[in-house]
Amino acid sequence: MKAYSLAPGWKIFFYIFSILIMGGGAAGFVYVFSEGNDSTAITLVSIFSGLAVIAGVWIILKTYMGKVIHGEDFIRTETLFVKKELLFNQIKGYTVDEHYLHLIPNAEGLKKLKIALSYNGTHELQAWARKRYRNLIVSKSEAEETLKEVMSDERYGTQRNERKNHLKKARWDARMVTIISFIISGCIFITPVALYAAILAMIIPWVAIALTYYYKGLITIYTYKENPLPSIFLAIVVPGFILLIDGSRGIHLADTTHVWLPVIAITLLMGSFIIATVKHGMLMANRASAWAGTLLYLFLVPTYSYGVVITLNTSFDNSQALYYETHVTNKRTTSGRSSSHYLQLEPWGPVHRIEELKVHSSFYQRTPVSGRVGIYLKKGWLDIPWFIVADAQ
């Protein structure tokens, strides 16, 4: 039995890359602790810093644990969470492309074994495959393979014409959901219908994912170049980011204690729904793209979840606002691709520390150092106290 691990050069690359990612996350946490306030920007930095650290640890573990085992009568790939194995007598043949050696099984229900050529000594495995099996020479692209699989899958119809019509209908539905998501996202900024648009923006990503589940893989949740299948990527991502942007405009959190539980709950629920959807409709030809797209979504879902929580907390908050006043102790502007304006405020009401808040440029210009500002504090529909800063009365 022989074990193959990643080539030293690739190991060094992934270790350095993961350290850089974790370093960025650690720097984010240092910034959060140094700022010491509960603004929306600080909260977002905390979320992405945590994700960066998790991603770095995951890459390190995957790099360290990943290997290929070549046994007496089997060959197995092992990664962080998954082990896949084929017996020698279960292999029909092989193909080789630019990045992988593919071992093709000889029976339905068995999964193809994909071995990255970045592993040390894979030239030996290629020589072994050439000596023992025939080269199936499948040089078609993933897009061609995907379309071929769709046109031969009886889940989409018993006749080829039925499958073509089913795919055509899936394209139409995916296009309509995407268009509707853009319209809804735009309406969030129109005051008379903003609340209704925000509610629909929370719902539309779930509808898009459900549509993918319904079509059993004919609609993908991800996209890639030359993807022959329709995608609802934008229908999920755009409303989430718009909710985050709209829910954060001029809004600051006085306390984040009750933020994280609903954010985590929504993230786990949507993440589970996405994984179940991919498994339900995954096509063998685009398995790699499906899981890569799923991983991308698992990093994006917390952004959507945070936007939903903040929007619900503020949009449905009918509590009476409490008014406070405080003084500006300092102000500053940062410049880059865009300018940001910050006011440093003295402690007020339930906030017992000096904090720096991002404000609109016009408010920044008319508010001098030592000047007074008014603060309107509300309880929050989800019991997350929030406030806005305005001119003093």
Protein backbone atom coordinates (compact mmCIF):
# COMPACT_ATOMS: atom_id res chain seq x y z
CA MET A 1 0.00 0.00 0.00
CA LYS A 2 1.28 3.44 -0.91
CA ALA A 3 0.06 6.90 0.12
CA TYR A 4 0.36 10.04 -1.99
CA SER A 5 0.02 13.53 -0.53
CA LEU A 6 0.09 16.97 -2.08
CA ALA A 7 3.36 17.95 -3.72
CA PRO A 8 5.58 20.07 -1.41
CA GLY A 9 5.22 23.14 -3.63
CA TRP A 10 1.44 23.00 -3.48
CA LYS A 11 1.51 22.38 0.27
CA ILE A 12 3.65 25.47 0.81
CA PHE A 13 1.35 27.52 -1.42
CA PHE A 14 -1.83 26.45 0.42
CA TYR A 15 -0.25 26.87 3.86
CA ILE A 16 0.94 30.39 3.02
CA PHE A 17 -2.42 31.24 1.46
CA SER A 18 -4.32 29.99 4.51
CA ILE A 19 -2.02 31.87 6.89
CA LEU A 20 -2.63 35.06 4.92
CA ILE A 21 -6.39 34.50 5.11
CA MET A 22 -6.27 33.85 8.86
CA GLY A 23 -3.97 36.83 9.29
CA GLY A 24 -6.56 39.01 7.59
CA GLY A 25 -9.24 37.60 9.90
CA ALA A 26 -7.07 38.17 12.96
CA ALA A 27 -6.39 41.75 11.83
CA GLY A 28 -10.13 42.22 11.51
CA PHE A 29 -10.67 41.06 15.09
CA VAL A 30 -7.90 43.35 16.33
CA TYR A 31 -9.64 46.23 14.60
CA VAL A 32 -13.00 45.25 16.13
CA PHE A 33 -11.59 45.10 19.66
CA SER A 34 -9.68 48.34 19.23
CA GLU A 35 -12.77 50.17 17.99
CA GLY A 36 -14.92 48.80 20.80
CA ASN A 37 -18.32 49.86 19.41
CA ASP A 38 -21.36 48.09 18.03
CA SER A 39 -21.80 49.82 14.67
CA THR A 40 -23.02 47.87 11.66
CA ALA A 41 -19.60 48.15 10.00
CA ILE A 42 -17.91 46.64 13.05
CA THR A 43 -20.44 43.80 13.08
CA LEU A 44 -19.78 43.02 9.43
CA VAL A 45 -16.03 43.07 10.00
CA SER A 46 -16.58 40.56 12.84
CA ILE A 47 -18.59 38.23 10.57
CA PHE A 48 -16.11 38.25 7.70
CA SER A 49 -13.12 38.00 10.05
CA GLY A 50 -14.62 34.88 11.59
CA LEU A 51 -15.30 33.39 8.15
CA ALA A 52 -11.72 34.17 7.09
CA VAL A 53 -10.29 32.36 10.12
CA ILE A 54 -12.59 29.36 9.55
CA ALA A 55 -11.63 29.24 5.85
CA GLY A 56 -7.92 29.36 6.70
CA VAL A 57 -8.22 26.52 9.21
CA TRP A 58 -10.27 24.48 6.72
CA ILE A 59 -7.61 24.91 3.99
CA ILE A 60 -4.83 23.90 6.37
CA LEU A 61 -6.68 20.77 7.53
CA LYS A 62 -7.66 19.83 3.98
CA THR A 63 -4.07 20.28 2.77
CA TYR A 64 -2.63 18.31 5.68
CA MET A 65 -5.13 15.45 5.62
CA GLY A 66 -5.70 15.10 1.88
CA LYS A 67 -4.13 11.99 0.36
CA VAL A 68 -4.54 9.16 -2.13
CA ILE A 69 -4.16 5.56 -0.92
CA HIS A 70 -3.12 2.96 -3.51
CA GLY A 71 -3.78 -0.45 -1.92
CA GLU A 72 -3.45 -4.05 -3.07
CA ASP A 73 -6.93 -4.19 -4.59
CA PHE A 74 -8.33 -0.69 -4.12
CA ILE A 75 -7.61 2.99 -4.61
CA ARG A 76 -9.00 5.62 -2.25
CA THR A 77 -9.01 9.40 -1.92
CA GLU A 78 -9.25 10.98 1.51
CA THR A 79 -10.04 14.61 2.26
CA LEU A 80 -11.08 16.47 5.39
CA PHE A 81 -14.58 15.00 5.61
CA VAL A 82 -14.94 12.61 2.66
CA LYS A 83 -13.43 9.26 1.73
CA LYS A 84 -14.09 7.72 -1.70
CA GLU A 85 -12.90 4.30 -2.80
CA LEU A 86 -13.04 2.03 -5.83
CA LEU A 87 -11.91 -1.58 -6.02
CA PHE A 88 -9.71 -2.38 -9.01
CA ASN A 89 -12.42 -4.64 -10.46
CA GLN A 90 -14.93 -1.76 -10.22
CA ILE A 91 -12.97 0.47 -12.61
CA LYS A 92 -13.94 0.54 -16.29
CA GLY A 93 -11.26 2.94 -17.49
CA TYR A 94 -9.72 6.35 -16.99
CA THR A 95 -9.44 9.82 -18.48
CA VAL A 96 -6.86 12.52 -17.87
CA ASP A 97 -7.33 16.25 -18.27
CA GLU A 98 -5.22 19.25 -17.37
CA HIS A 99 -5.84 18.95 -13.63
CA TYR A 100 -7.19 15.49 -12.77
CA LEU A 101 -6.90 11.76 -13.32
CA HIS A 102 -10.47 10.40 -13.47
CA LEU A 103 -11.14 6.73 -12.69
CA ILE A 104 -14.49 5.75 -14.22
CA PRO A 105 -16.57 3.01 -12.49
CA ASN A 106 -18.09 0.12 -14.45
CA ALA A 107 -21.48 0.09 -12.71
CA GLU A 108 -24.23 2.57 -11.99
CA GLY A 109 -24.37 3.82 -8.42
CA LEU A 110 -20.59 3.93 -8.07
CA LYS A 111 -19.00 7.35 -8.02
CA LYS A 112 -16.15 8.43 -10.25
CA LEU A 113 -12.84 8.86 -8.45
CA LYS A 114 -11.06 12.13 -9.21
CA ILE A 115 -7.38 12.45 -8.30
CA ALA A 116 -5.74 15.87 -8.52
CA LEU A 117 -2.47 15.88 -10.47
CA SER A 118 -1.09 18.26 -7.84
CA TYR A 119 -0.49 15.21 -5.62
CA ASN A 120 3.10 14.04 -5.34
CA GLY A 121 3.83 11.00 -7.50
CA THR A 122 0.64 11.05 -9.56
CA HIS A 123 2.75 10.19 -12.64
CA GLU A 124 3.02 6.72 -11.07
CA LEU A 125 -0.76 6.50 -10.78
CA GLN A 126 -1.17 7.60 -14.40
CA ALA A 127 1.32 4.93 -15.51
CA TRP A 128 -0.57 2.33 -13.45
CA ALA A 129 -3.89 3.38 -15.00
CA ARG A 130 -2.44 3.26 -18.55
CA LYS A 131 -1.05 -0.23 -17.96
CA ARG A 132 -4.21 -1.69 -16.41
CA TYR A 133 -7.15 0.14 -18.03
CA ARG A 134 -8.14 1.70 -21.31
CA ASN A 135 -8.24 5.43 -21.84
CA LEU A 136 -11.85 6.43 -22.39
CA ILE A 137 -10.66 9.75 -23.86
CA VAL A 138 -13.55 11.90 -22.78
CA SER A 139 -12.34 15.27 -23.94
CA LYS A 140 -15.71 17.03 -23.79
CA SER A 141 -16.03 20.07 -21.58
CA GLU A 142 -18.10 20.08 -18.43
CA ALA A 143 -20.78 22.07 -20.26
CA GLU A 144 -21.03 19.46 -23.03
CA GLU A 145 -21.09 16.61 -20.54
CA THR A 146 -23.79 18.33 -18.51
CA LEU A 147 -26.02 18.90 -21.52
CA LYS A 148 -25.50 15.33 -22.68
CA GLU A 149 -26.48 14.00 -19.25
CA VAL A 150 -29.61 16.17 -19.17
CA MET A 151 -30.70 15.00 -22.63
CA SER A 152 -30.39 11.36 -21.56
CA ASP A 153 -31.97 11.64 -18.09
CA GLU A 154 -35.52 10.25 -17.97
CA ARG A 155 -36.32 12.37 -14.90
CA TYR A 156 -36.82 15.21 -17.36
CA GLY A 157 -39.02 13.28 -19.77
CA THR A 158 -39.21 9.95 -21.54
CA GLN A 159 -38.54 11.46 -24.98
CA ARG A 160 -35.73 13.79 -26.07
CA ASN A 161 -38.22 16.48 -27.13
CA GLU A 162 -39.83 16.38 -23.69
CA ARG A 163 -36.44 16.91 -22.07
CA LYS A 164 -35.66 19.83 -24.38
CA ASN A 165 -39.01 21.44 -23.55
CA HIS A 166 -38.45 20.86 -19.85
CA LEU A 167 -35.06 22.59 -20.06
CA LYS A 168 -36.64 25.45 -22.05
CA LYS A 169 -39.29 25.92 -19.35
CA ALA A 170 -36.60 25.84 -16.64
CA ARG A 171 -34.69 28.61 -18.46
CA TRP A 172 -37.84 30.72 -18.67
CA ASP A 173 -38.69 30.29 -14.98
CA ALA A 174 -35.13 31.03 -13.86
CA ARG A 175 -35.07 34.17 -16.01
CA MET A 176 -38.38 35.39 -14.61
CA VAL A 177 -37.33 34.80 -10.98
CA THR A 178 -34.11 36.72 -11.61
CA ILE A 179 -35.95 39.65 -13.24
CA ILE A 180 -38.48 39.75 -10.39
CA SER A 181 -35.65 39.72 -7.82
CA PHE A 182 -34.06 42.77 -9.51
CA ILE A 183 -37.39 44.63 -9.58
CA ILE A 184 -38.03 43.86 -5.91
CA SER A 185 -34.50 44.91 -4.96
CA GLY A 186 -34.92 48.22 -6.75
CA CYS A 187 -38.28 48.90 -5.10
CA ILE A 188 -36.65 48.72 -1.65
CA PHE A 189 -35.39 52.26 -2.25
CA ILE A 190 -38.86 53.59 -3.15
CA THR A 191 -40.32 54.78 0.17
CA PRO A 192 -44.07 54.08 -0.37
CA VAL A 193 -43.44 50.40 -1.18
CA ALA A 194 -40.13 49.90 0.66
CA LEU A 195 -41.54 47.69 3.43
CA TYR A 196 -43.38 45.37 1.04
CA ALA A 197 -40.32 45.17 -1.21
CA ALA A 198 -38.11 44.31 1.76
CA ILE A 199 -40.43 41.46 2.77
CA LEU A 200 -40.41 40.09 -0.78
CA ALA A 201 -36.62 40.45 -0.95
CA MET A 202 -36.35 38.19 2.11
CA ILE A 203 -38.60 35.60 0.45
CA ILE A 204 -37.32 35.56 -3.15
CA PRO A 205 -34.01 33.73 -2.44
CA TRP A 206 -35.97 30.89 -0.81
CA VAL A 207 -38.30 30.78 -3.83
CA ALA A 208 -35.28 30.63 -6.14
CA ILE A 209 -33.70 27.76 -4.21
CA ALA A 210 -37.06 25.93 -4.10
CA LEU A 211 -37.28 26.33 -7.89
CA THR A 212 -33.90 24.65 -8.23
CA TYR A 213 -35.11 21.83 -5.99
CA TYR A 214 -38.27 21.44 -8.08
CA TYR A 215 -36.35 21.17 -11.35
CA LYS A 216 -33.99 18.48 -9.97
CA GLY A 217 -30.77 20.09 -11.20
CA LEU A 218 -31.99 21.67 -14.45
CA ILE A 219 -31.58 25.04 -12.73
CA THR A 220 -28.30 25.60 -10.93
CA ILE A 221 -27.76 27.75 -7.84
CA TYR A 222 -24.29 28.65 -9.12
CA THR A 223 -22.94 29.74 -12.47
CA TYR A 224 -19.74 29.32 -14.46
CA LYS A 225 -18.48 30.17 -17.91
CA GLU A 226 -20.41 28.36 -20.67
CA ASN A 227 -22.90 26.91 -18.19
CA PRO A 228 -25.58 25.30 -20.41
CA LEU A 229 -28.12 25.32 -17.60
CA PRO A 230 -30.00 28.35 -16.29
CA SER A 231 -28.80 29.79 -12.97
CA ILE A 232 -30.57 31.65 -10.17
CA PHE A 233 -27.30 32.91 -8.68
CA LEU A 234 -28.27 36.57 -9.00
CA ALA A 235 -31.80 35.94 -7.71
CA ILE A 236 -30.28 34.78 -4.42
CA VAL A 237 -27.29 37.10 -4.06
CA VAL A 238 -28.71 40.47 -5.17
CA PRO A 239 -31.68 40.68 -2.75
CA GLY A 240 -29.43 39.66 0.14
CA PHE A 241 -26.90 42.41 -0.50
CA ILE A 242 -29.60 45.00 -1.12
CA LEU A 243 -31.23 44.10 2.20
CA LEU A 244 -27.87 44.47 3.92
CA ILE A 245 -27.20 47.86 2.32
CA ASP A 246 -30.70 49.21 2.93
CA GLY A 247 -30.95 47.88 6.48
CA SER A 248 -27.64 49.47 7.41
CA ARG A 249 -28.23 52.97 6.02
CA GLY A 250 -27.87 55.39 8.91
CA ILE A 251 -28.71 52.68 11.43
CA HIS A 252 -26.48 51.81 14.38
CA LEU A 253 -26.86 49.06 16.95
CA ALA A 254 -26.69 49.95 20.63
CA ASP A 255 -26.28 46.28 21.62
CA THR A 256 -25.57 43.17 19.52
CA THR A 257 -26.46 40.59 22.20
CA HIS A 258 -29.58 39.37 20.39
CA VAL A 259 -28.18 39.63 16.86
CA TRP A 260 -26.19 36.43 16.58
CA LEU A 261 -28.75 33.76 17.48
CA PRO A 262 -31.21 34.65 14.68
CA VAL A 263 -28.34 35.21 12.22
CA ILE A 264 -26.91 31.76 13.00
CA ALA A 265 -30.37 30.15 12.87
CA ILE A 266 -31.18 31.61 9.44
CA THR A 267 -27.70 30.75 8.15
CA LEU A 268 -27.99 27.11 9.24
CA LEU A 269 -31.51 26.78 7.85
CA MET A 270 -30.69 28.26 4.45
CA GLY A 271 -27.34 26.45 4.30
CA SER A 272 -29.09 23.12 4.94
CA PHE A 273 -31.70 23.92 2.28
CA ILE A 274 -28.98 24.72 -0.28
CA ILE A 275 -27.05 21.51 0.47
CA ALA A 276 -30.24 19.42 0.26
CA THR A 277 -31.11 21.11 -3.04
CA VAL A 278 -27.71 20.38 -4.56
CA LYS A 279 -27.83 16.75 -3.45
CA HIS A 280 -31.38 16.38 -4.76
CA GLY A 281 -30.56 17.53 -8.27
CA MET A 282 -26.81 17.12 -8.64
CA LEU A 283 -25.72 15.90 -12.04
CA MET A 284 -22.61 13.74 -12.21
CA ALA A 285 -21.11 15.87 -14.98
CA ASN A 286 -21.13 19.08 -12.93
CA ARG A 287 -20.55 17.66 -9.46
CA ALA A 288 -17.36 19.70 -8.93
CA SER A 289 -19.06 22.97 -9.93
CA ALA A 290 -22.07 22.14 -7.77
CA TRP A 291 -20.02 21.72 -4.61
CA ALA A 292 -17.82 24.72 -5.43
CA GLY A 293 -20.97 26.83 -5.85
CA THR A 294 -22.39 25.47 -2.61
CA LEU A 295 -19.22 26.39 -0.73
CA LEU A 296 -19.45 29.93 -2.14
CA TYR A 297 -23.04 30.25 -0.93
CA LEU A 298 -22.17 29.01 2.54
CA PHE A 299 -19.84 32.01 2.82
CA LEU A 300 -22.45 34.41 1.43
CA VAL A 301 -25.45 33.24 3.45
CA PRO A 302 -24.37 35.00 6.70
CA THR A 303 -24.52 38.31 4.81
CA TYR A 304 -28.10 37.59 3.74
CA SER A 305 -28.99 36.44 7.27
CA TYR A 306 -27.60 39.58 8.85
CA GLY A 307 -29.48 41.76 6.36
CA VAL A 308 -32.73 39.93 7.12
CA VAL A 309 -32.30 40.27 10.89
CA ILE A 310 -31.53 44.00 10.74
CA THR A 311 -34.39 44.64 8.29
CA LEU A 312 -36.92 42.74 10.40
CA ASN A 313 -35.69 44.42 13.58
CA THR A 314 -36.08 47.95 12.21
CA SER A 315 -38.95 47.68 9.71
CA PHE A 316 -41.44 46.15 12.15
CA ASP A 317 -40.36 48.13 15.19
CA ASN A 318 -43.32 50.13 16.50
CA SER A 319 -41.73 51.06 19.82
CA GLN A 320 -41.60 54.66 21.00
CA ALA A 321 -38.25 56.30 20.28
CA LEU A 322 -36.30 57.65 23.25
CA TYR A 323 -34.46 60.91 22.63
CA TYR A 324 -30.94 61.63 23.89
CA GLU A 325 -28.38 64.31 23.21
CA THR A 326 -24.61 64.15 23.28
CA HIS A 327 -21.57 66.09 22.07
CA VAL A 328 -19.15 65.47 19.24
CA THR A 329 -15.61 65.05 20.57
CA ASN A 330 -13.83 64.54 17.25
CA LYS A 331 -14.47 63.99 13.56
CA ARG A 332 -12.51 62.54 10.68
CA THR A 333 -12.76 61.60 7.00
CA THR A 334 -11.20 58.66 5.22
CA SER A 335 -10.52 58.78 1.49
CA GLY A 336 -10.00 56.14 -1.15
CA ARG A 337 -12.31 55.05 -3.93
CA SER A 338 -15.01 56.73 -1.86
CA SER A 339 -14.92 58.99 1.17
CA SER A 340 -16.31 58.01 4.57
CA HIS A 341 -17.17 60.44 7.34
CA TYR A 342 -17.06 59.68 11.06
CA LEU A 343 -18.13 61.50 14.21
CA GLN A 344 -16.82 60.56 17.65
CA LEU A 345 -19.52 60.92 20.30
CA GLU A 346 -19.46 61.19 24.06
CA PRO A 347 -21.28 58.49 26.09
CA TRP A 348 -25.05 58.86 26.10
CA GLY A 349 -28.03 57.03 27.62
CA PRO A 350 -27.37 53.29 27.72
CA VAL A 351 -24.08 53.66 25.80
CA HIS A 352 -21.37 54.24 28.39
CA ARG A 353 -18.36 54.60 26.12
CA ILE A 354 -17.01 56.95 23.51
CA GLU A 355 -17.79 55.59 20.06
CA GLU A 356 -17.19 56.56 16.48
CA LEU A 357 -20.08 56.41 14.01
CA LYS A 358 -20.19 56.68 10.24
CA VAL A 359 -22.55 59.46 9.08
CA HIS A 360 -23.74 61.04 5.84
CA SER A 361 -21.43 63.65 4.34
CA SER A 362 -23.98 66.50 4.62
CA PHE A 363 -24.57 65.78 8.33
CA TYR A 364 -20.81 65.60 8.85
CA GLN A 365 -20.26 68.98 7.22
CA ARG A 366 -22.84 70.82 9.34
CA THR A 367 -21.83 69.23 12.66
CA PRO A 368 -18.81 70.88 14.34
CA VAL A 369 -16.55 69.38 16.99
CA SER A 370 -18.11 70.09 20.44
CA GLY A 371 -21.48 70.51 18.71
CA ARG A 372 -24.60 68.69 19.90
CA VAL A 373 -26.33 65.84 18.09
CA GLY A 374 -29.64 64.12 18.78
CA ILE A 375 -29.97 60.38 19.12
CA TYR A 376 -33.23 58.47 18.65
CA LEU A 377 -33.11 55.06 20.31
CA LYS A 378 -35.69 52.32 19.64
CA LYS A 379 -36.16 48.92 21.25
CA GLY A 380 -36.18 46.84 18.04
CA TRP A 381 -38.73 44.27 16.89
CA LEU A 382 -36.25 41.46 17.70
CA ASP A 383 -35.17 43.16 20.91
CA ILE A 384 -32.02 44.51 19.25
CA PRO A 385 -31.82 48.18 20.31
CA TRP A 386 -30.92 50.49 17.45
CA PHE A 387 -30.59 54.20 16.93
CA ILE A 388 -30.08 56.95 14.40
CA VAL A 389 -28.06 60.13 14.79
CA ALA A 390 -29.69 63.41 13.74
CA ASP A 391 -29.58 67.15 14.40
CA ALA A 392 -30.21 68.09 18.01
CA GLN A 393 -33.68 69.42 18.73
